[in-house]
Amino acid sequence: MVSFSEIYKLSRELMVNNPEFLHFSGHGDANGIVMEDHSGLTCYVTIDALDQLLTNNRSVKCIVLNSCYSSDQAKALSSKGIYVLGNSDSLPSNVAEEFSVGFYQAIVERKEVYHAFGNGTAHSRLATGFEEQMLMKLWFNGELV
């Protein structure tokens, strides 16, 4: 798994380690996800830029965009035949963190992404008491799973 917040680290990790999972935890909005450039300045990374970066990497099978308003980006990236998780709205940080705990507990136990998504959702609801409809969505081939 590669966790990324800086563009140059992401592209290097993809080339060197060929990860199966990419996890982004940070800020985002309709313009894209927020990362740091080589100067440490905040910038938006568009779906087109991420898509181009992933075109030459066939090892990634799941991307977690654990940032606000990332569902549109998740849908677009999933059209590459990979699972992508994204939030349809703003999500409290503790809910997003607990989702990740439950999701990766299942992944470590070699559960399929779909089952890990369900485990993450259940774990988050149990740990935080968050009763609204889960805002995290799972996409594959441009469709909600």
Foldseek 3Di string as FASTA:
>chain_A
DAEAQEDVVVLVCCVPPLAQEYEYADEDAPQARWHAYPVRDIDHDHLVNVLVSCPPRDSHQEYEDLYACCPVSQLVSQLVFHKYKDFNGHDDPQLSVQLVVQLVVCVVVVDDNVVSNVRSNVRSCVVPVPDDDGRMFMYHSSDTD
